Amino acid sequence: MRNILLMLLFALVAGSLHAQEGEEVFTFLRFPSSSRANALGGHTVSLIETDPSLIFHNPALLGGEMDQMVNLNYMNYIADINVASALYVKAIAERSTIALGAHYINYGQFDETSVGNELIGRFSANDICLNGFYAYDLTDFLRGGVTLKFLYSSLEKYTSIGLGVDVGLSYYNPDKGFSAGFTLKNMGAQLKAYNEDRLRLPWDVQIGFTKKMNHAPFRLSVTGMYLNKWKFSSVDGVNKVEDSFVKTLSKHLVFGVDFIPTQNFWLGVGFNPKANADMKLQNGNKLGGFSMGAGVKVKRFDVGVSVARYHPSATSLMLSFSMFLGDIAP
């Protein structure tokens, strides 16, 4: 029974909501890390805002305008699975900015039972990611960034260690209300495996753009994901499902629209076609893949909240909080 529980737990952590990608490890790196990004479909690499949490999605979104900002995020993913992250940003030169961050994922407590189904103990499962960010303004319109990640996972008495790197670019033209982003995510390796088999990190190539309407306070964001591959493996019961060209293309895209009537308020909605299709195969809710959220700025505080449907049995709730430490009077 104990071995069966551990096998199921390994599948949960290593597979997360992309269960068909069983050859990957540390797939919690695919979780959204920002209420604003979560509201816009779960991912964005091009949205320009003074929101430090966006740098988890593209390190090139980091900039000196976030100097001395602190950011905290919390997401209740499913049941007892909770995700938290924190960031601190510091501008170190006219064109250079650094940040330090961390992710912590707790999967709850699990019963350990004997062959006779008697309770003999309890164990937990956790993931940790420590991040170091650096961004540099290449021009007045173009910024580059890099993230270094130390990864640690603990499943009962089994542990795993890995190293990862993100590299990104961000282009922004404020006069045209247009921005674009590109990132290579989760390049790296599993240095220490849970067992004898080392798995690959969930590396990804993403590109996106955001365009503000000329005469209305709306922005459209489109993000291309999984660009390092084309086909997805899908199984409906025991039958393998082959997607059409259009459906496969849609699974590579995430759509988001946000309404920004003032600098102190935003409202966003998003749609992730891949999450929607995956949940339909699992007899999930038709709202799978849809998300929404809102945020307000009150004095020196920014607060955001978003909800999304990433699993057939639960709605994920995410909260974000940011503030400028430099605004605190001595």
C-alpha atoms as a PDB file:
ATOM      1  CA  MET A   1       0.000   0.000   0.000  1.00  0.00           C
ATOM      2  CA  ARG A   2       2.856   2.372   0.885  1.00  0.00           C
ATOM      3  CA  ASN A   3       4.486   1.852  -2.508  1.00  0.00           C
ATOM      4  CA  ILE A   4       1.199   2.432  -4.295  1.00  0.00           C
ATOM      5  CA  LEU A   5       0.673   5.717  -2.436  1.00  0.00           C
ATOM      6  CA  LEU A   6       4.181   6.855  -3.316  1.00  0.00           C
ATOM      7  CA  MET A   7       3.673   5.946  -6.972  1.00  0.00           C
ATOM      8  CA  LEU A   8       0.477   7.993  -7.061  1.00  0.00           C
ATOM      9  CA  LEU A   9       2.201  10.894  -5.353  1.00  0.00           C
ATOM     10  CA  PHE A  10       5.078  10.800  -7.819  1.00  0.00           C
ATOM     11  CA  ALA A  11       2.543  10.945 -10.640  1.00  0.00           C
ATOM     12  CA  LEU A  12       0.843  13.957  -9.048  1.00  0.00           C
ATOM     13  CA  VAL A  13       4.016  15.969  -8.540  1.00  0.00           C
ATOM     14  CA  ALA A  14       5.805  14.995 -11.728  1.00  0.00           C
ATOM     15  CA  GLY A  15       2.712  15.207 -13.897  1.00  0.00           C
ATOM     16  CA  SER A  16       0.565  18.015 -12.388  1.00  0.00           C
ATOM     17  CA  LEU A  17      -2.156  19.140 -14.776  1.00  0.00           C
ATOM     18  CA  HIS A  18      -0.046  18.095 -17.788  1.00  0.00           C
ATOM     19  CA  ALA A  19      -0.237  14.463 -16.788  1.00  0.00           C
ATOM     20  CA  GLN A  20       0.456  13.179 -20.271  1.00  0.00           C
ATOM     21  CA  GLU A  21       3.980  14.615 -20.049  1.00  0.00           C
ATOM     22  CA  GLY A  22       5.168  11.941 -17.662  1.00  0.00           C
ATOM     23  CA  GLU A  23       8.826  12.158 -18.740  1.00  0.00           C
ATOM     24  CA  GLU A  24       9.210  15.554 -17.058  1.00  0.00           C
ATOM     25  CA  VAL A  25      10.050  16.543 -13.492  1.00  0.00           C
ATOM     26  CA  PHE A  26       9.547  19.766 -11.505  1.00  0.00           C
ATOM     27  CA  THR A  27       6.443  20.506 -13.577  1.00  0.00           C
ATOM     28  CA  PHE A  28       5.222  22.862 -10.843  1.00  0.00           C
ATOM     29  CA  LEU A  29       7.325  25.346 -12.847  1.00  0.00           C
ATOM     30  CA  ARG A  30       4.371  25.533 -15.235  1.00  0.00           C
ATOM     31  CA  PHE A  31       2.057  26.876 -12.519  1.00  0.00           C
ATOM     32  CA  PRO A  32       1.057  30.543 -12.897  1.00  0.00           C
ATOM     33  CA  SER A  33       2.933  32.813 -10.503  1.00  0.00           C
ATOM     34  CA  SER A  34       0.978  36.047 -10.845  1.00  0.00           C
ATOM     35  CA  SER A  35      -2.673  36.953 -10.255  1.00  0.00           C
ATOM     36  CA  ARG A  36      -2.583  39.178 -13.318  1.00  0.00           C
ATOM     37  CA  ALA A  37      -1.087  36.459 -15.523  1.00  0.00           C
ATOM     38  CA  ASN A  38      -3.459  33.889 -14.023  1.00  0.00           C
ATOM     39  CA  ALA A  39      -6.449  36.080 -14.926  1.00  0.00           C
ATOM     40  CA  LEU A  40      -5.235  36.337 -18.530  1.00  0.00           C
ATOM     41  CA  GLY A  41      -5.155  32.597 -19.187  1.00  0.00           C
ATOM     42  CA  GLY A  42      -2.348  31.571 -16.853  1.00  0.00           C
ATOM     43  CA  HIS A  43       0.647  32.770 -18.860  1.00  0.00           C
ATOM     44  CA  THR A  44       2.011  35.960 -20.407  1.00  0.00           C
ATOM     45  CA  VAL A  45       5.502  36.979 -21.512  1.00  0.00           C
ATOM     46  CA  SER A  46       4.667  40.408 -22.949  1.00  0.00           C
ATOM     47  CA  LEU A  47       2.515  42.318 -20.450  1.00  0.00           C
ATOM     48  CA  ILE A  48       4.200  45.544 -19.320  1.00  0.00           C
ATOM     49  CA  GLU A  49       3.223  46.512 -15.776  1.00  0.00           C
ATOM     50  CA  THR A  50       4.927  47.530 -12.535  1.00  0.00           C
ATOM     51  CA  ASP A  51       4.146  44.071 -11.203  1.00  0.00           C
ATOM     52  CA  PRO A  52       7.176  42.057  -9.998  1.00  0.00           C
ATOM     53  CA  SER A  53       5.310  38.733 -10.135  1.00  0.00           C
ATOM     54  CA  LEU A  54       5.311  38.899 -13.949  1.00  0.00           C
ATOM     55  CA  ILE A  55       9.076  38.276 -13.996  1.00  0.00           C
ATOM     56  CA  PHE A  56       8.406  34.660 -13.015  1.00  0.00           C
ATOM     57  CA  HIS A  57       6.961  34.332 -16.526  1.00  0.00           C
ATOM     58  CA  ASN A  58       9.637  36.371 -18.350  1.00  0.00           C
ATOM     59  CA  PRO A  59      12.745  37.737 -16.584  1.00  0.00           C
ATOM     60  CA  ALA A  60      12.979  40.526 -19.171  1.00  0.00           C
ATOM     61  CA  LEU A  61       9.835  42.088 -17.654  1.00  0.00           C
ATOM     62  CA  LEU A  62      12.013  43.060 -14.679  1.00  0.00           C
ATOM     63  CA  GLY A  63      13.065  46.722 -14.593  1.00  0.00           C
ATOM     64  CA  GLY A  64      14.271  49.637 -12.513  1.00  0.00           C
ATOM     65  CA  GLU A  65      10.715  50.962 -12.222  1.00  0.00           C
ATOM     66  CA  MET A  66      10.186  48.131  -9.684  1.00  0.00           C
ATOM     67  CA  ASP A  67      13.083  49.241  -7.465  1.00  0.00           C
ATOM     68  CA  GLN A  68      12.549  48.259  -3.803  1.00  0.00           C
ATOM     69  CA  MET A  69       9.295  46.459  -4.507  1.00  0.00           C
ATOM     70  CA  VAL A  70       8.188  43.416  -2.532  1.00  0.00           C
ATOM     71  CA  ASN A  71       5.731  40.919  -3.986  1.00  0.00           C
ATOM     72  CA  LEU A  72       3.862  38.057  -2.298  1.00  0.00           C
ATOM     73  CA  ASN A  73       1.621  35.498  -4.023  1.00  0.00           C
ATOM     74  CA  TYR A  74      -0.552  32.652  -2.802  1.00  0.00           C
ATOM     75  CA  MET A  75      -2.572  30.100  -4.774  1.00  0.00           C
ATOM     76  CA  ASN A  76      -4.819  27.314  -3.556  1.00  0.00           C
ATOM     77  CA  TYR A  77      -4.396  24.984  -6.515  1.00  0.00           C
ATOM     78  CA  ILE A  78      -6.449  21.900  -5.658  1.00  0.00           C
ATOM     79  CA  ALA A  79      -7.669  20.710  -2.244  1.00  0.00           C
ATOM     80  CA  ASP A  80      -4.614  20.703   0.083  1.00  0.00           C
ATOM     81  CA  ILE A  81      -2.140  21.745  -2.618  1.00  0.00           C
ATOM     82  CA  ASN A  82      -0.980  25.282  -1.839  1.00  0.00           C
ATOM     83  CA  VAL A  83       1.533  27.424  -3.718  1.00  0.00           C
ATOM     84  CA  ALA A  84       3.306  30.504  -2.359  1.00  0.00           C
ATOM     85  CA  SER A  85       5.975  32.795  -3.789  1.00  0.00           C
ATOM     86  CA  ALA A  86       7.853  35.934  -2.772  1.00  0.00           C
ATOM     87  CA  LEU A  87      10.059  38.502  -4.531  1.00  0.00           C
ATOM     88  CA  TYR A  88      12.276  41.455  -3.743  1.00  0.00           C
ATOM     89  CA  VAL A  89      13.549  43.812  -6.474  1.00  0.00           C
ATOM     90  CA  LYS A  90      16.537  46.149  -6.409  1.00  0.00           C
ATOM     91  CA  ALA A  91      17.887  48.437  -9.146  1.00  0.00           C
ATOM     92  CA  ILE A  92      21.702  48.285  -9.035  1.00  0.00           C
ATOM     93  CA  ALA A  93      22.568  50.651 -11.919  1.00  0.00           C
ATOM     94  CA  GLU A  94      20.889  52.910 -14.446  1.00  0.00           C
ATOM     95  CA  ARG A  95      20.097  50.015 -16.779  1.00  0.00           C
ATOM     96  CA  SER A  96      20.512  46.975 -14.483  1.00  0.00           C
ATOM     97  CA  THR A  97      18.072  45.412 -12.030  1.00  0.00           C
ATOM     98  CA  ILE A  98      18.241  42.290  -9.887  1.00  0.00           C
ATOM     99  CA  ALA A  99      15.644  40.370  -7.898  1.00  0.00           C
ATOM    100  CA  LEU A 100      15.549  37.447  -5.495  1.00  0.00           C
ATOM    101  CA  GLY A 101      12.562  35.147  -5.270  1.00  0.00           C
ATOM    102  CA  ALA A 102      11.304  31.821  -4.010  1.00  0.00           C
ATOM    103  CA  HIS A 103       8.486  29.360  -4.664  1.00  0.00           C
ATOM    104  CA  TYR A 104       7.123  26.898  -2.143  1.00  0.00           C
ATOM    105  CA  ILE A 105       4.586  24.192  -2.987  1.00  0.00           C
ATOM    106  CA  ASN A 106       3.019  22.034  -0.293  1.00  0.00           C
ATOM    107  CA  TYR A 107       1.043  18.967  -1.374  1.00  0.00           C
ATOM    108  CA  GLY A 108      -0.411  18.232   2.055  1.00  0.00           C
ATOM    109  CA  GLN A 109      -0.135  15.245   4.374  1.00  0.00           C
ATOM    110  CA  PHE A 110      -0.524  11.632   3.271  1.00  0.00           C
ATOM    111  CA  ASP A 111      -1.284   8.495   5.242  1.00  0.00           C
ATOM    112  CA  GLU A 112       1.248   5.669   5.216  1.00  0.00           C
ATOM    113  CA  THR A 113      -0.455   2.316   5.666  1.00  0.00           C
ATOM    114  CA  SER A 114       0.663  -1.272   5.988  1.00  0.00           C
ATOM    115  CA  VAL A 115      -0.315  -4.183   3.741  1.00  0.00           C
ATOM    116  CA  GLY A 116      -3.217  -4.766   6.123  1.00  0.00           C
ATOM    117  CA  ASN A 117      -4.353  -1.165   5.579  1.00  0.00           C
ATOM    118  CA  GLU A 118      -3.337  -0.118   9.092  1.00  0.00           C
ATOM    119  CA  LEU A 119      -2.131   3.438   9.594  1.00  0.00           C
ATOM    120  CA  ILE A 120       1.567   3.361  10.478  1.00  0.00           C
ATOM    121  CA  GLY A 121       2.489   7.002   9.899  1.00  0.00           C
ATOM    122  CA  ARG A 122       2.142  10.138   7.819  1.00  0.00           C
ATOM    123  CA  PHE A 123       4.411  11.864   5.329  1.00  0.00           C
ATOM    124  CA  SER A 124       4.430  15.090   3.341  1.00  0.00           C
ATOM    125  CA  ALA A 125       5.531  16.309  -0.072  1.00  0.00           C
ATOM    126  CA  ASN A 126       7.054  19.690  -0.918  1.00  0.00           C
ATOM    127  CA  ASP A 127       8.732  21.521  -3.779  1.00  0.00           C
ATOM    128  CA  ILE A 128      11.022  24.545  -3.444  1.00  0.00           C
ATOM    129  CA  CYS A 129      12.463  26.829  -6.109  1.00  0.00           C
ATOM    130  CA  LEU A 130      14.971  29.592  -5.303  1.00  0.00           C
ATOM    131  CA  ASN A 131      15.299  32.232  -8.025  1.00  0.00           C
ATOM    132  CA  GLY A 132      17.885  34.844  -8.907  1.00  0.00           C
ATOM    133  CA  PHE A 133      16.917  37.386 -11.597  1.00  0.00           C
ATOM    134  CA  TYR A 134      18.933  39.878 -13.630  1.00  0.00           C
ATOM    135  CA  ALA A 135      17.650  42.262 -16.320  1.00  0.00           C
ATOM    136  CA  TYR A 136      19.425  44.845 -18.468  1.00  0.00           C
ATOM    137  CA  ASP A 137      17.991  47.600 -20.674  1.00  0.00           C
ATOM    138  CA  LEU A 138      19.604  46.923 -24.066  1.00  0.00           C
ATOM    139  CA  THR A 139      17.936  49.989 -25.639  1.00  0.00           C
ATOM    140  CA  ASP A 140      15.107  52.353 -24.729  1.00  0.00           C
ATOM    141  CA  PHE A 141      12.684  49.797 -26.207  1.00  0.00           C
ATOM    142  CA  LEU A 142      14.389  46.428 -25.654  1.00  0.00           C
ATOM    143  CA  ARG A 143      15.262  44.646 -22.405  1.00  0.00           C
ATOM    144  CA  GLY A 144      16.913  41.290 -21.757  1.00  0.00           C
ATOM    145  CA  GLY A 145      16.712  39.125 -18.656  1.00  0.00           C
ATOM    146  CA  VAL A 146      17.851  35.842 -17.148  1.00  0.00           C
ATOM    147  CA  THR A 147      16.663  33.691 -14.225  1.00  0.00           C
ATOM    148  CA  LEU A 148      18.730  31.107 -12.367  1.00  0.00           C
ATOM    149  CA  LYS A 149      16.750  28.454 -10.468  1.00  0.00           C
ATOM    150  CA  PHE A 150      17.737  26.020  -7.754  1.00  0.00           C
ATOM    151  CA  LEU A 151      15.124  23.263  -7.515  1.00  0.00           C
ATOM    152  CA  TYR A 152      14.449  20.920  -4.628  1.00  0.00           C
ATOM    153  CA  SER A 153      11.695  18.350  -4.181  1.00  0.00           C
ATOM    154  CA  SER A 154      10.919  16.100  -1.229  1.00  0.00           C
ATOM    155  CA  LEU A 155       8.547  13.118  -1.338  1.00  0.00           C
ATOM    156  CA  GLU A 156       8.550  11.235   1.951  1.00  0.00           C
ATOM    157  CA  LYS A 157      12.192   9.995   2.203  1.00  0.00           C
ATOM    158  CA  TYR A 158      12.928  10.606  -1.489  1.00  0.00           C
ATOM    159  CA  THR A 159      14.482  13.868  -2.705  1.00  0.00           C
ATOM    160  CA  SER A 160      15.409  15.431  -6.017  1.00  0.00           C
ATOM    161  CA  ILE A 161      17.611  18.407  -6.917  1.00  0.00           C
ATOM    162  CA  GLY A 162      17.816  20.354 -10.161  1.00  0.00           C
ATOM    163  CA  LEU A 163      19.103  23.544 -11.766  1.00  0.00           C
ATOM    164  CA  GLY A 164      17.223  25.606 -14.339  1.00  0.00           C
ATOM    165  CA  VAL A 165      17.630  28.764 -16.399  1.00  0.00           C
ATOM    166  CA  ASP A 166      15.182  31.145 -18.089  1.00  0.00           C
ATOM    167  CA  VAL A 167      16.332  33.630 -20.741  1.00  0.00           C
ATOM    168  CA  GLY A 168      13.997  36.319 -22.062  1.00  0.00           C
ATOM    169  CA  LEU A 169      13.596  39.432 -24.185  1.00  0.00           C
ATOM    170  CA  SER A 170      10.978  42.171 -23.889  1.00  0.00           C
ATOM    171  CA  TYR A 171      10.132  44.907 -26.398  1.00  0.00           C
ATOM    172  CA  TYR A 172       7.892  47.843 -25.505  1.00  0.00           C
ATOM    173  CA  ASN A 173       6.784  50.837 -27.553  1.00  0.00           C
ATOM    174  CA  PRO A 174       4.586  53.007 -25.292  1.00  0.00           C
ATOM    175  CA  ASP A 175       3.649  55.395 -28.116  1.00  0.00           C
ATOM    176  CA  LYS A 176       2.037  52.548 -30.064  1.00  0.00           C
ATOM    177  CA  GLY A 177       0.751  50.701 -27.002  1.00  0.00           C
ATOM    178  CA  PHE A 178       2.507  47.550 -28.210  1.00  0.00           C
ATOM    179  CA  SER A 179       4.753  45.093 -26.414  1.00  0.00           C
ATOM    180  CA  ALA A 180       6.222  41.698 -27.270  1.00  0.00           C
ATOM    181  CA  GLY A 181       8.099  39.083 -25.306  1.00  0.00           C
ATOM    182  CA  PHE A 182      10.145  35.966 -25.926  1.00  0.00           C
ATOM    183  CA  THR A 183      11.500  33.468 -23.428  1.00  0.00           C
ATOM    184  CA  LEU A 184      13.295  30.146 -23.232  1.00  0.00           C
ATOM    185  CA  LYS A 185      12.038  28.594 -20.002  1.00  0.00           C
ATOM    186  CA  ASN A 186      13.291  25.875 -17.700  1.00  0.00           C
ATOM    187  CA  MET A 187      16.447  24.924 -19.531  1.00  0.00           C
ATOM    188  CA  GLY A 188      18.518  22.766 -17.220  1.00  0.00           C
ATOM    189  CA  ALA A 189      18.785  19.323 -15.681  1.00  0.00           C
ATOM    190  CA  GLN A 190      17.766  17.125 -12.798  1.00  0.00           C
ATOM    191  CA  LEU A 191      21.049  16.701 -10.911  1.00  0.00           C
ATOM    192  CA  LYS A 192      19.721  14.217  -8.350  1.00  0.00           C
ATOM    193  CA  ALA A 193      16.808  11.951  -9.189  1.00  0.00           C
ATOM    194  CA  TYR A 194      14.225  10.421  -6.868  1.00  0.00           C
ATOM    195  CA  ASN A 195      15.475   7.039  -8.022  1.00  0.00           C
ATOM    196  CA  GLU A 196      17.883   5.819 -10.714  1.00  0.00           C
ATOM    197  CA  ASP A 197      16.089   7.509 -13.626  1.00  0.00           C
ATOM    198  CA  ARG A 198      16.748  11.182 -14.304  1.00  0.00           C
ATOM    199  CA  LEU A 199      13.951  13.102 -15.997  1.00  0.00           C
ATOM    200  CA  ARG A 200      14.010  16.297 -18.028  1.00  0.00           C
ATOM    201  CA  LEU A 201      12.797  19.694 -16.869  1.00  0.00           C
ATOM    202  CA  PRO A 202       9.593  21.065 -18.478  1.00  0.00           C
ATOM    203  CA  TRP A 203      11.494  23.341 -20.814  1.00  0.00           C
ATOM    204  CA  ASP A 204       9.460  25.556 -23.089  1.00  0.00           C
ATOM    205  CA  VAL A 205       9.742  28.207 -25.771  1.00  0.00           C
ATOM    206  CA  GLN A 206       7.202  31.030 -25.453  1.00  0.00           C
ATOM    207  CA  ILE A 207       6.493  34.145 -27.468  1.00  0.00           C
ATOM    208  CA  GLY A 208       3.693  36.669 -27.054  1.00  0.00           C
ATOM    209  CA  PHE A 209       2.420  40.141 -27.761  1.00  0.00           C
ATOM    210  CA  THR A 210       0.156  42.665 -26.081  1.00  0.00           C
ATOM    211  CA  LYS A 211      -1.650  45.505 -27.875  1.00  0.00           C
ATOM    212  CA  LYS A 212      -3.656  48.311 -26.319  1.00  0.00           C
ATOM    213  CA  MET A 213      -6.624  49.605 -28.302  1.00  0.00           C
ATOM    214  CA  ASN A 214      -6.132  53.153 -29.579  1.00  0.00           C
ATOM    215  CA  HIS A 215      -9.384  54.651 -28.320  1.00  0.00           C
ATOM    216  CA  ALA A 216     -10.511  52.306 -25.528  1.00  0.00           C
ATOM    217  CA  PRO A 217      -8.967  51.096 -22.233  1.00  0.00           C
ATOM    218  CA  PHE A 218      -8.580  47.470 -23.368  1.00  0.00           C
ATOM    219  CA  ARG A 219      -5.519  45.342 -24.083  1.00  0.00           C
ATOM    220  CA  LEU A 220      -5.331  42.056 -25.955  1.00  0.00           C
ATOM    221  CA  SER A 221      -2.612  39.548 -25.063  1.00  0.00           C
ATOM    222  CA  VAL A 222      -1.783  36.413 -27.039  1.00  0.00           C
ATOM    223  CA  THR A 223       0.909  34.010 -25.852  1.00  0.00           C
ATOM    224  CA  GLY A 224       2.337  31.083 -27.802  1.00  0.00           C
ATOM    225  CA  MET A 225       3.487  28.169 -25.634  1.00  0.00           C
ATOM    226  CA  TYR A 226       5.100  24.739 -26.098  1.00  0.00           C
ATOM    227  CA  LEU A 227       6.754  26.061 -29.265  1.00  0.00           C
ATOM    228  CA  ASN A 228       9.549  23.509 -28.891  1.00  0.00           C
ATOM    229  CA  LYS A 229       7.131  20.811 -30.042  1.00  0.00           C
ATOM    230  CA  TRP A 230       3.998  20.522 -32.156  1.00  0.00           C
ATOM    231  CA  LYS A 231       1.852  17.487 -31.356  1.00  0.00           C
ATOM    232  CA  PHE A 232       0.368  16.725 -27.945  1.00  0.00           C
ATOM    233  CA  SER A 233      -0.354  13.209 -26.696  1.00  0.00           C
ATOM    234  CA  SER A 234      -4.024  12.906 -25.745  1.00  0.00           C
ATOM    235  CA  VAL A 235      -5.835   9.809 -24.533  1.00  0.00           C
ATOM    236  CA  ASP A 236      -9.629   9.574 -24.310  1.00  0.00           C
ATOM    237  CA  GLY A 237     -10.237   6.517 -22.137  1.00  0.00           C
ATOM    238  CA  VAL A 238      -8.142   3.875 -23.887  1.00  0.00           C
ATOM    239  CA  ASN A 239      -8.162   5.493 -27.336  1.00  0.00           C
ATOM    240  CA  LYS A 240      -5.471   7.853 -28.557  1.00  0.00           C
ATOM    241  CA  VAL A 241      -6.945  11.081 -29.933  1.00  0.00           C
ATOM    242  CA  GLU A 242      -5.408  12.767 -32.980  1.00  0.00           C
ATOM    243  CA  ASP A 243      -6.109  16.497 -33.135  1.00  0.00           C
ATOM    244  CA  SER A 244      -6.675  18.473 -36.324  1.00  0.00           C
ATOM    245  CA  PHE A 245      -4.202  21.162 -37.389  1.00  0.00           C
ATOM    246  CA  VAL A 246      -6.452  23.957 -36.112  1.00  0.00           C
ATOM    247  CA  LYS A 247      -7.045  22.287 -32.744  1.00  0.00           C
ATOM    248  CA  THR A 248      -3.347  21.558 -32.303  1.00  0.00           C
ATOM    249  CA  LEU A 249      -2.525  25.169 -33.120  1.00  0.00           C
ATOM    250  CA  SER A 250      -5.086  26.428 -30.601  1.00  0.00           C
ATOM    251  CA  LYS A 251      -3.471  24.341 -27.853  1.00  0.00           C
ATOM    252  CA  HIS A 252      -0.298  26.356 -28.320  1.00  0.00           C
ATOM    253  CA  LEU A 253      -2.066  29.653 -27.650  1.00  0.00           C
ATOM    254  CA  VAL A 254      -3.344  31.494 -24.574  1.00  0.00           C
ATOM    255  CA  PHE A 255      -5.668  34.503 -24.904  1.00  0.00           C
ATOM    256  CA  GLY A 256      -6.253  37.336 -22.459  1.00  0.00           C
ATOM    257  CA  VAL A 257      -8.074  40.675 -22.406  1.00  0.00           C
ATOM    258  CA  ASP A 258      -7.733  43.233 -19.645  1.00  0.00           C
ATOM    259  CA  PHE A 259      -9.726  46.376 -18.965  1.00  0.00           C
ATOM    260  CA  ILE A 260      -7.652  49.230 -17.481  1.00  0.00           C
ATOM    261  CA  PRO A 261      -9.825  52.355 -17.070  1.00  0.00           C
ATOM    262  CA  THR A 262      -7.312  53.906 -14.625  1.00  0.00           C
ATOM    263  CA  GLN A 263      -3.822  53.181 -13.314  1.00  0.00           C
ATOM    264  CA  ASN A 264      -5.413  52.077 -10.040  1.00  0.00           C
ATOM    265  CA  PHE A 265      -7.733  49.337 -11.311  1.00  0.00           C
ATOM    266  CA  TRP A 266      -7.693  46.433 -13.752  1.00  0.00           C
ATOM    267  CA  LEU A 267     -10.069  43.650 -14.724  1.00  0.00           C
ATOM    268  CA  GLY A 268      -8.998  40.685 -16.833  1.00  0.00           C
ATOM    269  CA  VAL A 269     -10.360  37.530 -18.456  1.00  0.00           C
ATOM    270  CA  GLY A 270      -8.522  34.745 -20.214  1.00  0.00           C
ATOM    271  CA  PHE A 271      -8.852  31.437 -22.015  1.00  0.00           C
ATOM    272  CA  ASN A 272      -6.412  28.527 -22.241  1.00  0.00           C
ATOM    273  CA  PRO A 273      -7.589  26.147 -25.018  1.00  0.00           C
ATOM    274  CA  LYS A 274      -5.222  23.334 -24.011  1.00  0.00           C
ATOM    275  CA  ALA A 275      -6.459  23.302 -20.408  1.00  0.00           C
ATOM    276  CA  ASN A 276     -10.034  23.339 -21.747  1.00  0.00           C
ATOM    277  CA  ALA A 277      -9.413  20.405 -24.087  1.00  0.00           C
ATOM    278  CA  ASP A 278      -7.554  18.374 -21.454  1.00  0.00           C
ATOM    279  CA  MET A 279     -10.423  18.723 -18.979  1.00  0.00           C
ATOM    280  CA  LYS A 280     -13.026  17.741 -21.555  1.00  0.00           C
ATOM    281  CA  LEU A 281     -11.144  14.453 -21.948  1.00  0.00           C
ATOM    282  CA  GLN A 282     -11.428  14.021 -18.171  1.00  0.00           C
ATOM    283  CA  ASN A 283     -15.186  14.795 -18.209  1.00  0.00           C
ATOM    284  CA  GLY A 284     -14.417  18.150 -16.668  1.00  0.00           C
ATOM    285  CA  ASN A 285     -16.474  21.316 -16.459  1.00  0.00           C
ATOM    286  CA  LYS A 286     -17.001  23.264 -19.692  1.00  0.00           C
ATOM    287  CA  LEU A 287     -15.509  26.290 -17.913  1.00  0.00           C
ATOM    288  CA  GLY A 288     -12.138  24.546 -17.831  1.00  0.00           C
ATOM    289  CA  GLY A 289      -9.388  26.790 -19.131  1.00  0.00           C
ATOM    290  CA  PHE A 290     -11.316  30.019 -18.446  1.00  0.00           C
ATOM    291  CA  SER A 291      -9.997  32.515 -15.919  1.00  0.00           C
ATOM    292  CA  MET A 292     -10.735  35.974 -14.590  1.00  0.00           C
ATOM    293  CA  GLY A 293      -9.373  38.431 -12.063  1.00  0.00           C
ATOM    294  CA  ALA A 294      -9.156  42.002 -10.847  1.00  0.00           C
ATOM    295  CA  GLY A 295      -6.748  44.263  -9.032  1.00  0.00           C
ATOM    296  CA  VAL A 296      -6.659  47.617  -7.268  1.00  0.00           C
ATOM    297  CA  LYS A 297      -3.975  50.007  -6.137  1.00  0.00           C
ATOM    298  CA  VAL A 298      -4.572  51.729  -2.798  1.00  0.00           C
ATOM    299  CA  LYS A 299      -1.857  54.235  -1.909  1.00  0.00           C
ATOM    300  CA  ARG A 300       1.415  52.256  -2.034  1.00  0.00           C
ATOM    301  CA  PHE A 301      -0.264  48.826  -2.059  1.00  0.00           C
ATOM    302  CA  ASP A 302      -1.256  46.716  -5.076  1.00  0.00           C
ATOM    303  CA  VAL A 303      -3.658  43.840  -4.500  1.00  0.00           C
ATOM    304  CA  GLY A 304      -4.837  41.321  -7.089  1.00  0.00           C
ATOM    305  CA  VAL A 305      -7.123  38.292  -7.059  1.00  0.00           C
ATOM    306  CA  SER A 306      -7.908  35.745  -9.770  1.00  0.00           C
ATOM    307  CA  VAL A 307      -9.721  32.450 -10.245  1.00  0.00           C
ATOM    308  CA  ALA A 308      -9.138  29.782 -12.872  1.00  0.00           C
ATOM    309  CA  ARG A 309     -10.255  26.277 -13.710  1.00  0.00           C
ATOM    310  CA  TYR A 310      -7.187  24.067 -14.213  1.00  0.00           C
ATOM    311  CA  HIS A 311      -8.627  20.831 -12.845  1.00  0.00           C
ATOM    312  CA  PRO A 312     -12.025  19.134 -13.318  1.00  0.00           C
ATOM    313  CA  SER A 313     -12.708  18.947  -9.583  1.00  0.00           C
ATOM    314  CA  ALA A 314     -11.639  22.368  -8.326  1.00  0.00           C
ATOM    315  CA  THR A 315     -11.375  26.086  -9.004  1.00  0.00           C
ATOM    316  CA  SER A 316      -7.988  27.605  -8.245  1.00  0.00           C
ATOM    317  CA  LEU A 317      -7.852  30.876  -6.300  1.00  0.00           C
ATOM    318  CA  MET A 318      -4.829  33.170  -6.421  1.00  0.00           C
ATOM    319  CA  LEU A 319      -3.971  36.290  -4.421  1.00  0.00           C
ATOM    320  CA  SER A 320      -1.140  38.767  -5.057  1.00  0.00           C
ATOM    321  CA  PHE A 321       0.194  41.632  -2.979  1.00  0.00           C
ATOM    322  CA  SER A 322       2.892  44.175  -3.895  1.00  0.00           C
ATOM    323  CA  MET A 323       4.256  47.337  -2.336  1.00  0.00           C
ATOM    324  CA  PHE A 324       7.169  49.782  -2.615  1.00  0.00           C
ATOM    325  CA  LEU A 325       9.367  49.579   0.461  1.00  0.00           C
ATOM    326  CA  GLY A 326      10.828  52.928  -0.526  1.00  0.00           C
ATOM    327  CA  ASP A 327       7.400  54.485   0.114  1.00  0.00           C
ATOM    328  CA  ILE A 328       7.604  53.712   3.829  1.00  0.00           C
ATOM    329  CA  ALA A 329       8.575  56.811   5.764  1.00  0.00           C
ATOM    330  CA  PRO A 330      11.469  56.336   8.240  1.00  0.00           C
END
